[in-house]
Amino acid sequence: MMKAIVLGGTRGIGKAIAESLSSIGCDVFAASRKDIDTSDLNSVKNFIKKHKETDILVLNTGGPAPKQFHDVTEKDWQKYHNQLFLGFCLLLQKLKVRNGGYVFVITSNVIKEPNPRLIISSAYRLAFTAVFKVLSKELVSKNINCINIAPGPINTDRMKELVGDINKYAKSLPMKRLGEPSEIGNFVKSIVENKIKYLSGVTINFDGANSNSVL
């Protein structure tokens, strides 16, 4: 039985991933904010002491409130530097992923097309993507696959906070709907269940053709 740790695993995309992995017999620990707060480095270190190793690690956390660049405070920068970047880096350094395992990170489509309203998320998620890409080349020697999932408009509480009227917003999208968390959950499940190993160091745009980015 493969062990999986899913951060942010009690709601939204994280919950959908946790449920999908559970459905194929994985022993899943769906971590809540009470279990680990990646903006608090002491919380991260305590989590690592309790959860020393796993087969599947899903790095997932909420994002900051929308702010323009000149409205971002020093406290904002410090908090989200930890939450979106340094906390994840410490987990990858100290929490062992067993040989043959998987690491998934849930980032955002802003790593492809930076959003001026989401300047903090754009900056730190892209910074972590660079670290994740470099690390993927190291971990592949242990047959550990690293996959970055960059969601676009997904039907979550976070998206409702960002756009307000979901139905109106959906009509502006190419597919005329938002993606569902379960679709990302099923994607992760399919990678693990089918033992797909020749896919690593990649960023998957999960955005229903919404992005204008070629790569």
N, C-alpha and C. Protein backbone atom coordinates (compact mmCIF):
# COMPACT_ATOMS: atom_id res chain seq x y z
N MET A 1 0.85 -1.20 0.00
CA MET A 1 0.00 0.00 0.00
C MET A 1 0.88 1.25 0.00
N MET A 2 0.62 2.15 -0.93
CA MET A 2 1.39 3.38 -1.00
C MET A 2 0.83 4.40 0.00
N LYS A 3 1.74 5.10 0.64
CA LYS A 3 1.35 6.15 1.57
C LYS A 3 1.36 7.49 0.85
N ALA A 4 0.37 8.32 1.11
CA ALA A 4 0.30 9.64 0.48
C ALA A 4 0.04 10.70 1.55
N ILE A 5 0.71 11.83 1.39
CA ILE A 5 0.46 13.00 2.22
C ILE A 5 -0.02 14.11 1.31
N VAL A 6 -1.20 14.62 1.58
CA VAL A 6 -1.78 15.69 0.76
C VAL A 6 -1.97 16.92 1.64
N LEU A 7 -1.20 17.97 1.38
CA LEU A 7 -1.38 19.22 2.11
C LEU A 7 -2.63 19.93 1.60
N GLY A 8 -3.30 20.62 2.49
CA GLY A 8 -4.56 21.25 2.10
C GLY A 8 -5.56 20.22 1.65
N GLY A 9 -5.54 19.07 2.32
CA GLY A 9 -6.30 17.92 1.84
C GLY A 9 -7.72 17.82 2.35
N THR A 10 -8.22 18.86 3.00
CA THR A 10 -9.57 18.79 3.56
C THR A 10 -10.58 19.65 2.81
N ARG A 11 -10.13 20.31 1.74
CA ARG A 11 -11.07 21.12 0.96
C ARG A 11 -10.52 21.32 -0.45
N GLY A 12 -11.43 21.67 -1.36
CA GLY A 12 -11.05 22.04 -2.71
C GLY A 12 -10.26 20.99 -3.46
N ILE A 13 -9.23 21.44 -4.17
CA ILE A 13 -8.42 20.56 -5.00
C ILE A 13 -7.72 19.50 -4.16
N GLY A 14 -7.18 19.90 -3.01
CA GLY A 14 -6.49 18.95 -2.14
C GLY A 14 -7.39 17.83 -1.69
N LYS A 15 -8.61 18.16 -1.31
CA LYS A 15 -9.57 17.14 -0.88
C LYS A 15 -9.89 16.18 -2.02
N ALA A 16 -10.06 16.72 -3.22
CA ALA A 16 -10.36 15.87 -4.38
C ALA A 16 -9.21 14.91 -4.67
N ILE A 17 -7.98 15.38 -4.53
CA ILE A 17 -6.82 14.51 -4.75
C ILE A 17 -6.76 13.43 -3.67
N ALA A 18 -6.98 13.83 -2.42
CA ALA A 18 -6.95 12.87 -1.32
C ALA A 18 -8.00 11.77 -1.54
N GLU A 19 -9.20 12.16 -1.94
CA GLU A 19 -10.27 11.18 -2.15
C GLU A 19 -9.95 10.26 -3.33
N SER A 20 -9.38 10.82 -4.39
CA SER A 20 -9.05 10.00 -5.56
C SER A 20 -7.95 8.99 -5.23
N LEU A 21 -6.95 9.40 -4.48
CA LEU A 21 -5.87 8.48 -4.10
C LEU A 21 -6.39 7.41 -3.14
N SER A 22 -7.29 7.79 -2.26
CA SER A 22 -7.89 6.81 -1.35
C SER A 22 -8.67 5.76 -2.11
N SER A 23 -9.29 6.16 -3.22
CA SER A 23 -10.13 5.25 -3.99
C SER A 23 -9.33 4.14 -4.67
N ILE A 24 -8.01 4.32 -4.79
CA ILE A 24 -7.17 3.27 -5.39
C ILE A 24 -6.31 2.57 -4.33
N GLY A 25 -6.71 2.74 -3.07
CA GLY A 25 -6.09 1.98 -2.00
C GLY A 25 -4.89 2.62 -1.34
N CYS A 26 -4.62 3.88 -1.63
CA CYS A 26 -3.51 4.56 -0.95
C CYS A 26 -3.90 4.89 0.49
N ASP A 27 -2.93 4.82 1.36
CA ASP A 27 -3.10 5.25 2.75
C ASP A 27 -2.84 6.75 2.79
N VAL A 28 -3.90 7.54 2.81
CA VAL A 28 -3.79 8.99 2.62
C VAL A 28 -3.92 9.74 3.94
N PHE A 29 -2.96 10.64 4.17
CA PHE A 29 -3.11 11.60 5.26
C PHE A 29 -3.46 12.94 4.63
N ALA A 30 -4.70 13.35 4.81
CA ALA A 30 -5.17 14.63 4.26
C ALA A 30 -4.94 15.71 5.31
N ALA A 31 -3.88 16.46 5.15
CA ALA A 31 -3.48 17.44 6.17
C ALA A 31 -4.30 18.72 6.06
N SER A 32 -4.75 19.19 7.20
CA SER A 32 -5.48 20.46 7.26
C SER A 32 -4.53 21.57 7.71
N ARG A 33 -5.04 22.79 7.77
CA ARG A 33 -4.23 23.91 8.26
C ARG A 33 -3.80 23.69 9.71
N LYS A 34 -4.62 22.96 10.48
CA LYS A 34 -4.26 22.67 11.86
C LYS A 34 -3.07 21.72 11.93
N ASP A 35 -2.94 20.85 10.94
CA ASP A 35 -1.82 19.90 10.90
C ASP A 35 -0.53 20.57 10.44
N ILE A 36 -0.64 21.45 9.46
CA ILE A 36 0.53 22.16 8.95
C ILE A 36 0.11 23.48 8.32
N ASP A 37 0.78 24.52 8.75
CA ASP A 37 0.61 25.86 8.18
C ASP A 37 1.95 26.24 7.56
N THR A 38 2.06 26.19 6.24
CA THR A 38 3.36 26.41 5.61
C THR A 38 3.86 27.84 5.73
N SER A 39 3.00 28.76 6.18
CA SER A 39 3.48 30.12 6.44
C SER A 39 4.23 30.22 7.76
N ASP A 40 4.10 29.18 8.59
CA ASP A 40 4.74 29.11 9.90
C ASP A 40 5.81 28.02 9.85
N LEU A 41 7.07 28.41 9.83
CA LEU A 41 8.15 27.44 9.65
C LEU A 41 8.25 26.46 10.82
N ASN A 42 7.87 26.89 12.01
CA ASN A 42 7.85 25.96 13.14
C ASN A 42 6.80 24.87 12.93
N SER A 43 5.67 25.26 12.36
CA SER A 43 4.63 24.29 12.04
C SER A 43 5.14 23.28 11.01
N VAL A 44 5.87 23.76 10.02
CA VAL A 44 6.43 22.88 8.99
C VAL A 44 7.41 21.90 9.62
N LYS A 45 8.29 22.39 10.48
CA LYS A 45 9.30 21.53 11.12
C LYS A 45 8.65 20.49 12.02
N ASN A 46 7.62 20.88 12.75
CA ASN A 46 6.91 19.93 13.61
C ASN A 46 6.20 18.86 12.79
N PHE A 47 5.67 19.25 11.64
CA PHE A 47 5.00 18.30 10.75
C PHE A 47 6.00 17.26 10.25
N ILE A 48 7.19 17.72 9.89
CA ILE A 48 8.21 16.81 9.37
C ILE A 48 8.64 15.81 10.44
N LYS A 49 8.68 16.23 11.69
CA LYS A 49 9.03 15.31 12.78
C LYS A 49 8.00 14.19 12.92
N LYS A 50 6.74 14.50 12.64
CA LYS A 50 5.67 13.51 12.78
C LYS A 50 5.51 12.65 11.53
N HIS A 51 5.83 13.22 10.38
CA HIS A 51 5.63 12.52 9.10
C HIS A 51 6.97 12.50 8.36
N LYS A 52 7.75 11.48 8.62
CA LYS A 52 9.14 11.48 8.16
C LYS A 52 9.30 11.04 6.71
N GLU A 53 8.37 10.21 6.22
CA GLU A 53 8.52 9.73 4.85
C GLU A 53 7.17 9.34 4.26
N THR A 54 7.15 9.27 2.94
CA THR A 54 5.91 8.95 2.23
C THR A 54 6.26 8.46 0.83
N ASP A 55 5.27 7.91 0.13
CA ASP A 55 5.46 7.52 -1.27
C ASP A 55 4.99 8.62 -2.21
N ILE A 56 3.95 9.33 -1.79
CA ILE A 56 3.37 10.39 -2.61
C ILE A 56 3.25 11.63 -1.75
N LEU A 57 3.77 12.73 -2.25
CA LEU A 57 3.67 14.01 -1.53
C LEU A 57 2.98 15.01 -2.44
N VAL A 58 1.91 15.59 -1.95
CA VAL A 58 1.19 16.62 -2.71
C VAL A 58 1.33 17.95 -1.96
N LEU A 59 2.05 18.88 -2.57
CA LEU A 59 2.27 20.20 -1.99
C LEU A 59 1.17 21.14 -2.48
N ASN A 60 0.36 21.59 -1.56
CA ASN A 60 -0.82 22.37 -1.93
C ASN A 60 -1.16 23.31 -0.79
N THR A 61 -1.43 24.56 -1.12
CA THR A 61 -1.82 25.53 -0.11
C THR A 61 -2.63 26.64 -0.75
N GLY A 62 -3.39 27.36 0.05
CA GLY A 62 -4.18 28.48 -0.47
C GLY A 62 -3.30 29.64 -0.88
N GLY A 63 -3.90 30.56 -1.59
CA GLY A 63 -3.16 31.72 -2.07
C GLY A 63 -3.57 32.99 -1.36
N PRO A 64 -2.79 34.05 -1.57
CA PRO A 64 -3.06 35.34 -0.93
C PRO A 64 -4.26 36.04 -1.55
N ALA A 65 -4.80 36.97 -0.81
CA ALA A 65 -5.89 37.80 -1.33
C ALA A 65 -5.36 38.67 -2.47
N PRO A 66 -6.22 39.02 -3.42
CA PRO A 66 -5.78 39.88 -4.52
C PRO A 66 -5.29 41.23 -4.02
N LYS A 67 -4.10 41.64 -4.47
CA LYS A 67 -3.54 42.95 -4.15
C LYS A 67 -2.66 43.42 -5.30
N GLN A 68 -2.75 44.70 -5.59
CA GLN A 68 -1.82 45.30 -6.54
C GLN A 68 -0.46 45.47 -5.87
N PHE A 69 0.58 45.59 -6.67
CA PHE A 69 1.95 45.63 -6.16
C PHE A 69 2.15 46.64 -5.04
N HIS A 70 1.68 47.87 -5.23
CA HIS A 70 1.94 48.92 -4.25
C HIS A 70 1.09 48.80 -2.98
N ASP A 71 0.16 47.85 -2.99
CA ASP A 71 -0.65 47.61 -1.79
C ASP A 71 -0.10 46.46 -0.94
N VAL A 72 0.89 45.75 -1.46
CA VAL A 72 1.46 44.62 -0.73
C VAL A 72 2.37 45.14 0.37
N THR A 73 2.15 44.64 1.58
CA THR A 73 2.95 45.08 2.73
C THR A 73 4.17 44.17 2.91
N GLU A 74 5.11 44.65 3.71
CA GLU A 74 6.28 43.82 4.02
C GLU A 74 5.84 42.53 4.72
N LYS A 75 4.83 42.63 5.57
CA LYS A 75 4.31 41.44 6.26
C LYS A 75 3.73 40.43 5.27
N ASP A 76 3.05 40.93 4.25
CA ASP A 76 2.51 40.06 3.20
C ASP A 76 3.63 39.29 2.52
N TRP A 77 4.68 40.01 2.12
CA TRP A 77 5.80 39.37 1.43
C TRP A 77 6.41 38.27 2.29
N GLN A 78 6.61 38.57 3.56
CA GLN A 78 7.24 37.60 4.47
C GLN A 78 6.37 36.37 4.67
N LYS A 79 5.06 36.60 4.88
CA LYS A 79 4.15 35.47 5.11
C LYS A 79 4.12 34.54 3.91
N TYR A 80 3.96 35.09 2.73
CA TYR A 80 3.78 34.24 1.55
C TYR A 80 5.09 33.73 0.99
N HIS A 81 6.20 34.38 1.35
CA HIS A 81 7.51 33.79 1.05
C HIS A 81 7.60 32.43 1.73
N ASN A 82 7.16 32.37 2.98
CA ASN A 82 7.15 31.10 3.69
C ASN A 82 6.08 30.16 3.15
N GLN A 83 4.86 30.66 3.00
CA GLN A 83 3.73 29.79 2.67
C GLN A 83 3.84 29.17 1.29
N LEU A 84 4.26 29.95 0.31
CA LEU A 84 4.26 29.48 -1.08
C LEU A 84 5.63 29.01 -1.56
N PHE A 85 6.68 29.30 -0.78
CA PHE A 85 8.03 28.99 -1.27
C PHE A 85 8.87 28.24 -0.23
N LEU A 86 9.27 28.92 0.83
CA LEU A 86 10.23 28.33 1.75
C LEU A 86 9.68 27.11 2.48
N GLY A 87 8.41 27.16 2.88
CA GLY A 87 7.81 26.00 3.55
C GLY A 87 7.86 24.76 2.69
N PHE A 88 7.56 24.90 1.40
CA PHE A 88 7.62 23.77 0.47
C PHE A 88 9.06 23.29 0.29
N CYS A 89 10.00 24.24 0.21
CA CYS A 89 11.41 23.85 0.06
C CYS A 89 11.88 23.02 1.24
N LEU A 90 11.51 23.41 2.45
CA LEU A 90 11.90 22.65 3.64
C LEU A 90 11.30 21.25 3.62
N LEU A 91 10.07 21.13 3.19
CA LEU A 91 9.43 19.82 3.10
C LEU A 91 10.18 18.92 2.12
N LEU A 92 10.59 19.48 0.99
CA LEU A 92 11.31 18.67 0.01
C LEU A 92 12.71 18.30 0.49
N GLN A 93 13.29 19.13 1.32
CA GLN A 93 14.62 18.82 1.86
C GLN A 93 14.57 17.77 2.96
N LYS A 94 13.53 17.82 3.80
CA LYS A 94 13.55 17.05 5.04
C LYS A 94 12.57 15.88 5.09
N LEU A 95 11.51 15.92 4.28
CA LEU A 95 10.52 14.84 4.30
C LEU A 95 10.86 13.88 3.15
N LYS A 96 11.22 12.67 3.50
CA LYS A 96 11.70 11.71 2.51
C LYS A 96 10.56 11.17 1.65
N VAL A 97 10.76 11.24 0.34
CA VAL A 97 9.86 10.55 -0.59
C VAL A 97 10.58 9.28 -1.03
N ARG A 98 9.96 8.15 -0.81
CA ARG A 98 10.61 6.88 -1.08
C ARG A 98 10.85 6.68 -2.58
N ASN A 99 11.86 5.88 -2.88
CA ASN A 99 12.18 5.56 -4.27
C ASN A 99 10.95 5.03 -5.00
N GLY A 100 10.76 5.52 -6.22
CA GLY A 100 9.61 5.11 -7.01
C GLY A 100 8.36 5.92 -6.75
N GLY A 101 8.49 6.96 -5.92
CA GLY A 101 7.32 7.75 -5.55
C GLY A 101 7.02 8.91 -6.47
N TYR A 102 6.15 9.78 -5.98
CA TYR A 102 5.69 10.94 -6.76
C TYR A 102 5.64 12.18 -5.88
N VAL A 103 5.98 13.30 -6.48
CA VAL A 103 5.75 14.59 -5.83
C VAL A 103 4.92 15.44 -6.80
N PHE A 104 3.77 15.89 -6.33
CA PHE A 104 2.93 16.80 -7.09
C PHE A 104 2.90 18.14 -6.37
N VAL A 105 2.95 19.22 -7.12
CA VAL A 105 2.74 20.54 -6.53
C VAL A 105 1.59 21.21 -7.27
N ILE A 106 0.70 21.82 -6.51
CA ILE A 106 -0.41 22.56 -7.10
C ILE A 106 -0.01 24.04 -7.07
N THR A 107 0.23 24.60 -8.23
CA THR A 107 0.62 26.01 -8.31
C THR A 107 -0.55 26.83 -8.85
N SER A 108 -0.39 27.42 -10.01
CA SER A 108 -1.45 28.27 -10.58
C SER A 108 -1.07 28.65 -12.00
N ASN A 109 -2.08 28.98 -12.79
CA ASN A 109 -1.79 29.44 -14.15
C ASN A 109 -1.05 30.78 -14.18
N VAL A 110 -0.93 31.45 -13.03
CA VAL A 110 -0.20 32.72 -13.00
C VAL A 110 1.30 32.52 -13.20
N ILE A 111 1.79 31.28 -13.10
CA ILE A 111 3.21 31.06 -13.37
C ILE A 111 3.49 31.17 -14.87
N LYS A 112 2.45 31.03 -15.68
CA LYS A 112 2.58 31.19 -17.13
C LYS A 112 2.24 32.62 -17.57
N GLU A 113 1.22 33.18 -16.94
CA GLU A 113 0.77 34.53 -17.28
C GLU A 113 0.56 35.31 -15.98
N PRO A 114 1.59 36.00 -15.51
CA PRO A 114 1.49 36.73 -14.23
C PRO A 114 0.29 37.68 -14.23
N ASN A 115 -0.39 37.71 -13.08
CA ASN A 115 -1.59 38.51 -12.92
C ASN A 115 -1.29 39.67 -11.98
N PRO A 116 -1.50 40.93 -12.41
CA PRO A 116 -1.17 42.07 -11.56
C PRO A 116 -1.97 42.11 -10.26
N ARG A 117 -3.15 41.48 -10.22
CA ARG A 117 -3.94 41.41 -8.99
C ARG A 117 -3.42 40.32 -8.06
N LEU A 118 -2.63 39.41 -8.62
CA LEU A 118 -2.11 38.29 -7.84
C LEU A 118 -0.58 38.30 -7.89
N ILE A 119 -0.01 39.46 -7.62
CA ILE A 119 1.43 39.65 -7.77
C ILE A 119 2.21 38.76 -6.83
N ILE A 120 1.72 38.55 -5.61
CA ILE A 120 2.45 37.71 -4.64
C ILE A 120 2.46 36.26 -5.13
N SER A 121 1.31 35.77 -5.49
CA SER A 121 1.21 34.39 -5.98
C SER A 121 2.04 34.21 -7.25
N SER A 122 1.97 35.18 -8.14
CA SER A 122 2.73 35.11 -9.39
C SER A 122 4.22 34.97 -9.11
N ALA A 123 4.71 35.74 -8.15
CA ALA A 123 6.15 35.76 -7.84
C ALA A 123 6.61 34.48 -7.17
N TYR A 124 5.94 34.08 -6.09
CA TYR A 124 6.45 32.97 -5.30
C TYR A 124 6.14 31.61 -5.89
N ARG A 125 5.01 31.48 -6.57
CA ARG A 125 4.73 30.19 -7.21
C ARG A 125 5.70 29.95 -8.37
N LEU A 126 6.06 31.01 -9.08
CA LEU A 126 7.02 30.86 -10.16
C LEU A 126 8.41 30.54 -9.59
N ALA A 127 8.77 31.17 -8.49
CA ALA A 127 10.06 30.88 -7.86
C ALA A 127 10.15 29.42 -7.44
N PHE A 128 9.06 28.91 -6.84
CA PHE A 128 9.10 27.50 -6.44
C PHE A 128 9.11 26.57 -7.64
N THR A 129 8.44 26.97 -8.71
CA THR A 129 8.45 26.16 -9.93
C THR A 129 9.87 25.96 -10.43
N ALA A 130 10.71 26.99 -10.34
CA ALA A 130 12.11 26.88 -10.76
C ALA A 130 12.86 25.87 -9.89
N VAL A 131 12.66 25.93 -8.57
CA VAL A 131 13.28 24.97 -7.66
C VAL A 131 12.80 23.56 -7.98
N PHE A 132 11.51 23.42 -8.19
CA PHE A 132 10.91 22.11 -8.45
C PHE A 132 11.45 21.50 -9.73
N LYS A 133 11.66 22.32 -10.74
CA LYS A 133 12.20 21.85 -12.01
C LYS A 133 13.62 21.33 -11.83
N VAL A 134 14.44 22.08 -11.12
CA VAL A 134 15.82 21.65 -10.87
C VAL A 134 15.83 20.35 -10.07
N LEU A 135 15.00 20.28 -9.04
CA LEU A 135 14.97 19.10 -8.18
C LEU A 135 14.49 17.86 -8.92
N SER A 136 13.62 18.06 -9.90
CA SER A 136 13.10 16.91 -10.65
C SER A 136 14.22 16.12 -11.32
N LYS A 137 15.27 16.80 -11.74
CA LYS A 137 16.40 16.13 -12.40
C LYS A 137 17.20 15.30 -11.40
N GLU A 138 17.24 15.75 -10.16
CA GLU A 138 17.93 15.00 -9.11
C GLU A 138 17.12 13.78 -8.68
N LEU A 139 15.83 13.98 -8.48
CA LEU A 139 14.99 12.90 -7.96
C LEU A 139 14.71 11.80 -8.97
N VAL A 140 14.85 12.12 -10.25
CA VAL A 140 14.55 11.09 -11.26
C VAL A 140 15.51 9.91 -11.16
N SER A 141 16.69 10.12 -10.58
CA SER A 141 17.63 9.02 -10.39
C SER A 141 17.09 8.00 -9.38
N LYS A 142 16.14 8.43 -8.57
CA LYS A 142 15.49 7.54 -7.59
C LYS A 142 14.11 7.10 -8.09
N ASN A 143 13.84 7.35 -9.37
CA ASN A 143 12.56 7.01 -9.99
C ASN A 143 11.41 7.72 -9.30
N ILE A 144 11.69 8.94 -8.81
CA ILE A 144 10.66 9.79 -8.21
C ILE A 144 10.25 10.84 -9.24
N ASN A 145 8.97 10.89 -9.52
CA ASN A 145 8.46 11.81 -10.54
C ASN A 145 7.94 13.08 -9.90
N CYS A 146 8.26 14.22 -10.52
CA CYS A 146 7.83 15.53 -10.04
C CYS A 146 6.92 16.16 -11.08
N ILE A 147 5.68 16.44 -10.71
CA ILE A 147 4.71 16.99 -11.65
C ILE A 147 4.07 18.23 -11.04
N ASN A 148 4.16 19.31 -11.78
CA ASN A 148 3.60 20.61 -11.38
C ASN A 148 2.26 20.78 -12.09
N ILE A 149 1.20 20.91 -11.32
CA ILE A 149 -0.13 21.13 -11.89
C ILE A 149 -0.49 22.60 -11.68
N ALA A 150 -0.73 23.30 -12.77
CA ALA A 150 -1.02 24.74 -12.72
C ALA A 150 -2.48 24.97 -13.09
N PRO A 151 -3.36 24.98 -12.09
CA PRO A 151 -4.79 25.13 -12.39
C PRO A 151 -5.14 26.54 -12.88
N GLY A 152 -6.12 26.58 -13.77
CA GLY A 152 -6.75 27.83 -14.15
C GLY A 152 -8.04 27.98 -13.35
N PRO A 153 -9.13 28.32 -14.01
CA PRO A 153 -10.40 28.52 -13.29
C PRO A 153 -11.01 27.19 -12.85
N ILE A 154 -10.88 26.91 -11.57
CA ILE A 154 -11.42 25.68 -10.98
C ILE A 154 -12.50 26.05 -9.97
N ASN A 155 -13.53 25.26 -9.92
CA ASN A 155 -14.70 25.55 -9.08
C ASN A 155 -14.40 25.30 -7.60
N THR A 156 -13.74 26.27 -6.99
CA THR A 156 -13.37 26.18 -5.58
C THR A 156 -13.80 27.45 -4.86
N ASP A 157 -13.74 27.42 -3.54
CA ASP A 157 -14.05 28.62 -2.76
C ASP A 157 -13.09 29.75 -3.10
N ARG A 158 -11.85 29.40 -3.36
CA ARG A 158 -10.85 30.40 -3.74
C ARG A 158 -11.26 31.15 -5.01
N MET A 159 -11.73 30.42 -6.01
CA MET A 159 -12.14 31.05 -7.26
C MET A 159 -13.35 31.95 -7.04
N LYS A 160 -14.26 31.53 -6.18
CA LYS A 160 -15.42 32.35 -5.89
C LYS A 160 -15.01 33.67 -5.24
N GLU A 161 -13.99 33.62 -4.40
CA GLU A 161 -13.48 34.84 -3.77
C GLU A 161 -12.86 35.77 -4.80
N LEU A 162 -12.24 35.19 -5.81
CA LEU A 162 -11.52 36.00 -6.80
C LEU A 162 -12.44 36.64 -7.84
N VAL A 163 -13.49 35.91 -8.26
CA VAL A 163 -14.29 36.41 -9.37
C VAL A 163 -15.70 36.82 -9.00
N GLY A 164 -16.18 36.41 -7.83
CA GLY A 164 -17.53 36.79 -7.43
C GLY A 164 -18.59 35.92 -8.08
N ASP A 165 -19.18 36.43 -9.15
CA ASP A 165 -20.28 35.73 -9.82
C ASP A 165 -19.70 34.62 -10.71
N ILE A 166 -19.73 33.39 -10.19
CA ILE A 166 -19.15 32.25 -10.89
C ILE A 166 -19.84 31.99 -12.23
N ASN A 167 -21.16 32.04 -12.25
CA ASN A 167 -21.91 31.73 -13.48
C ASN A 167 -21.60 32.72 -14.59
N LYS A 168 -21.54 33.98 -14.24
CA LYS A 168 -21.20 35.02 -15.22
C LYS A 168 -19.79 34.83 -15.74
N TYR A 169 -18.87 34.55 -14.82
CA TYR A 169 -17.47 34.35 -15.21
C TYR A 169 -17.32 33.13 -16.12
N ALA A 170 -18.05 32.07 -15.81
CA ALA A 170 -17.94 30.84 -16.59
C ALA A 170 -18.29 31.07 -18.07
N LYS A 171 -19.22 31.96 -18.32
CA LYS A 171 -19.64 32.22 -19.70
C LYS A 171 -18.52 32.85 -20.53
N SER A 172 -17.54 33.46 -19.85
CA SER A 172 -16.44 34.11 -20.57
C SER A 172 -15.32 33.14 -20.92
N LEU A 173 -15.41 31.89 -20.42
CA LEU A 173 -14.33 30.93 -20.61
C LEU A 173 -14.52 30.12 -21.90
N PRO A 174 -13.44 29.62 -22.49
CA PRO A 174 -13.55 28.85 -23.73
C PRO A 174 -14.50 27.66 -23.64
N MET A 175 -14.49 26.96 -22.51
CA MET A 175 -15.36 25.80 -22.36
C MET A 175 -16.70 26.14 -21.72
N LYS A 176 -16.90 27.43 -21.42
CA LYS A 176 -18.15 27.92 -20.82
C LYS A 176 -18.45 27.27 -19.46
N ARG A 177 -17.41 26.84 -18.80
CA ARG A 177 -17.56 26.28 -17.46
C ARG A 177 -16.22 26.32 -16.75
N LEU A 178 -16.27 26.19 -15.43
CA LEU A 178 -15.05 26.03 -14.65
C LEU A 178 -14.68 24.55 -14.59
N GLY A 179 -13.41 24.30 -14.34
CA GLY A 179 -12.99 22.94 -14.09
C GLY A 179 -13.45 22.50 -12.71
N GLU A 180 -13.55 21.22 -12.51
CA GLU A 180 -13.95 20.68 -11.21
C GLU A 180 -12.73 20.11 -10.49
N PRO A 181 -12.65 20.29 -9.17
CA PRO A 181 -11.53 19.71 -8.42
C PRO A 181 -11.35 18.22 -8.69
N SER A 182 -12.47 17.52 -8.89
CA SER A 182 -12.40 16.07 -9.12
C SER A 182 -11.63 15.73 -10.39
N GLU A 183 -11.62 16.64 -11.36
CA GLU A 183 -10.88 16.39 -12.59
C GLU A 183 -9.37 16.36 -12.32
N ILE A 184 -8.91 17.26 -11.45
CA ILE A 184 -7.50 17.23 -11.06
C ILE A 184 -7.22 16.01 -10.20
N GLY A 185 -8.15 15.69 -9.30
CA GLY A 185 -7.99 14.49 -8.49
C GLY A 185 -7.85 13.24 -9.35
N ASN A 186 -8.69 13.13 -10.37
CA ASN A 186 -8.64 11.97 -11.25
C ASN A 186 -7.37 11.94 -12.09
N PHE A 187 -6.85 13.10 -12.43
CA PHE A 187 -5.59 13.16 -13.18
C PHE A 187 -4.44 12.60 -12.33
N VAL A 188 -4.36 13.07 -11.08
CA VAL A 188 -3.33 12.57 -10.17
C VAL A 188 -3.48 11.07 -9.97
N LYS A 189 -4.70 10.64 -9.75
CA LYS A 189 -4.98 9.21 -9.57
C LYS A 189 -4.51 8.39 -10.77
N SER A 190 -4.77 8.89 -11.97
CA SER A 190 -4.42 8.13 -13.17
C SER A 190 -2.91 7.99 -13.32
N ILE A 191 -2.17 9.03 -12.93
CA ILE A 191 -0.71 8.95 -12.99
C ILE A 191 -0.20 7.85 -12.07
N VAL A 192 -0.73 7.84 -10.84
CA VAL A 192 -0.27 6.86 -9.85
C VAL A 192 -0.78 5.46 -10.17
N GLU A 193 -2.05 5.35 -10.48
CA GLU A 193 -2.66 4.04 -10.72
C GLU A 193 -2.05 3.33 -11.92
N ASN A 194 -1.74 4.10 -12.96
CA ASN A 194 -1.18 3.51 -14.18
C ASN A 194 0.34 3.50 -14.20
N LYS A 195 0.95 3.91 -13.08
CA LYS A 195 2.40 3.89 -12.93
C LYS A 195 3.11 4.61 -14.08
N ILE A 196 2.59 5.78 -14.41
CA ILE A 196 3.20 6.58 -15.48
C ILE A 196 4.47 7.22 -14.91
N LYS A 197 5.61 6.84 -15.45
CA LYS A 197 6.89 7.27 -14.89
C LYS A 197 7.71 8.15 -15.84
N TYR A 198 7.33 8.19 -17.11
CA TYR A 198 8.14 8.99 -18.05
C TYR A 198 7.55 10.39 -18.22
N LEU A 199 7.04 10.91 -17.14
CA LEU A 199 6.47 12.26 -17.11
C LEU A 199 6.97 12.91 -15.84
N SER A 200 7.99 13.74 -15.95
CA SER A 200 8.57 14.36 -14.76
C SER A 200 9.20 15.69 -15.14
N GLY A 201 9.21 16.61 -14.20
CA GLY A 201 9.77 17.93 -14.45
C GLY A 201 8.90 18.79 -15.33
N VAL A 202 7.63 18.41 -15.45
CA VAL A 202 6.73 19.11 -16.36
C VAL A 202 5.73 19.96 -15.59
N THR A 203 5.20 20.96 -16.27
CA THR A 203 4.09 21.76 -15.75
C THR A 203 2.87 21.49 -16.61
N ILE A 204 1.81 21.05 -15.98
CA ILE A 204 0.57 20.76 -16.69
C ILE A 204 -0.39 21.92 -16.50
N ASN A 205 -0.73 22.60 -17.59
CA ASN A 205 -1.73 23.67 -17.54
C ASN A 205 -3.12 23.04 -17.48
N PHE A 206 -3.76 23.15 -16.34
CA PHE A 206 -5.08 22.55 -16.16
C PHE A 206 -6.10 23.67 -16.19
N ASP A 207 -6.37 24.19 -17.41
CA ASP A 207 -7.12 25.45 -17.47
C ASP A 207 -8.20 25.50 -18.55
N GLY A 208 -8.56 24.35 -19.14
CA GLY A 208 -9.65 24.34 -20.10
C GLY A 208 -9.42 25.26 -21.29
N ALA A 209 -8.17 25.32 -21.78
CA ALA A 209 -7.80 26.16 -22.93
C ALA A 209 -7.91 27.64 -22.66
N ASN A 210 -7.89 28.02 -21.39
CA ASN A 210 -8.06 29.43 -21.04
C ASN A 210 -6.80 30.25 -21.23
N SER A 211 -5.65 29.60 -21.10
CA SER A 211 -4.38 30.32 -21.19
C SER A 211 -4.05 30.70 -22.63
N ASN A 212 -3.35 31.82 -22.78
CA ASN A 212 -2.84 32.20 -24.09
C ASN A 212 -1.39 31.83 -24.27
N SER A 213 -0.81 31.18 -23.26
CA SER A 213 0.59 30.79 -23.30
C SER A 213 0.77 29.61 -24.23
N VAL A 214 1.82 29.64 -25.06
CA VAL A 214 2.12 28.54 -25.97
C VAL A 214 2.74 27.37 -25.21
N LEU A 215 3.62 27.65 -24.26
CA LEU A 215 4.33 26.61 -23.52
C LEU A 215 3.63 26.33 -22.19
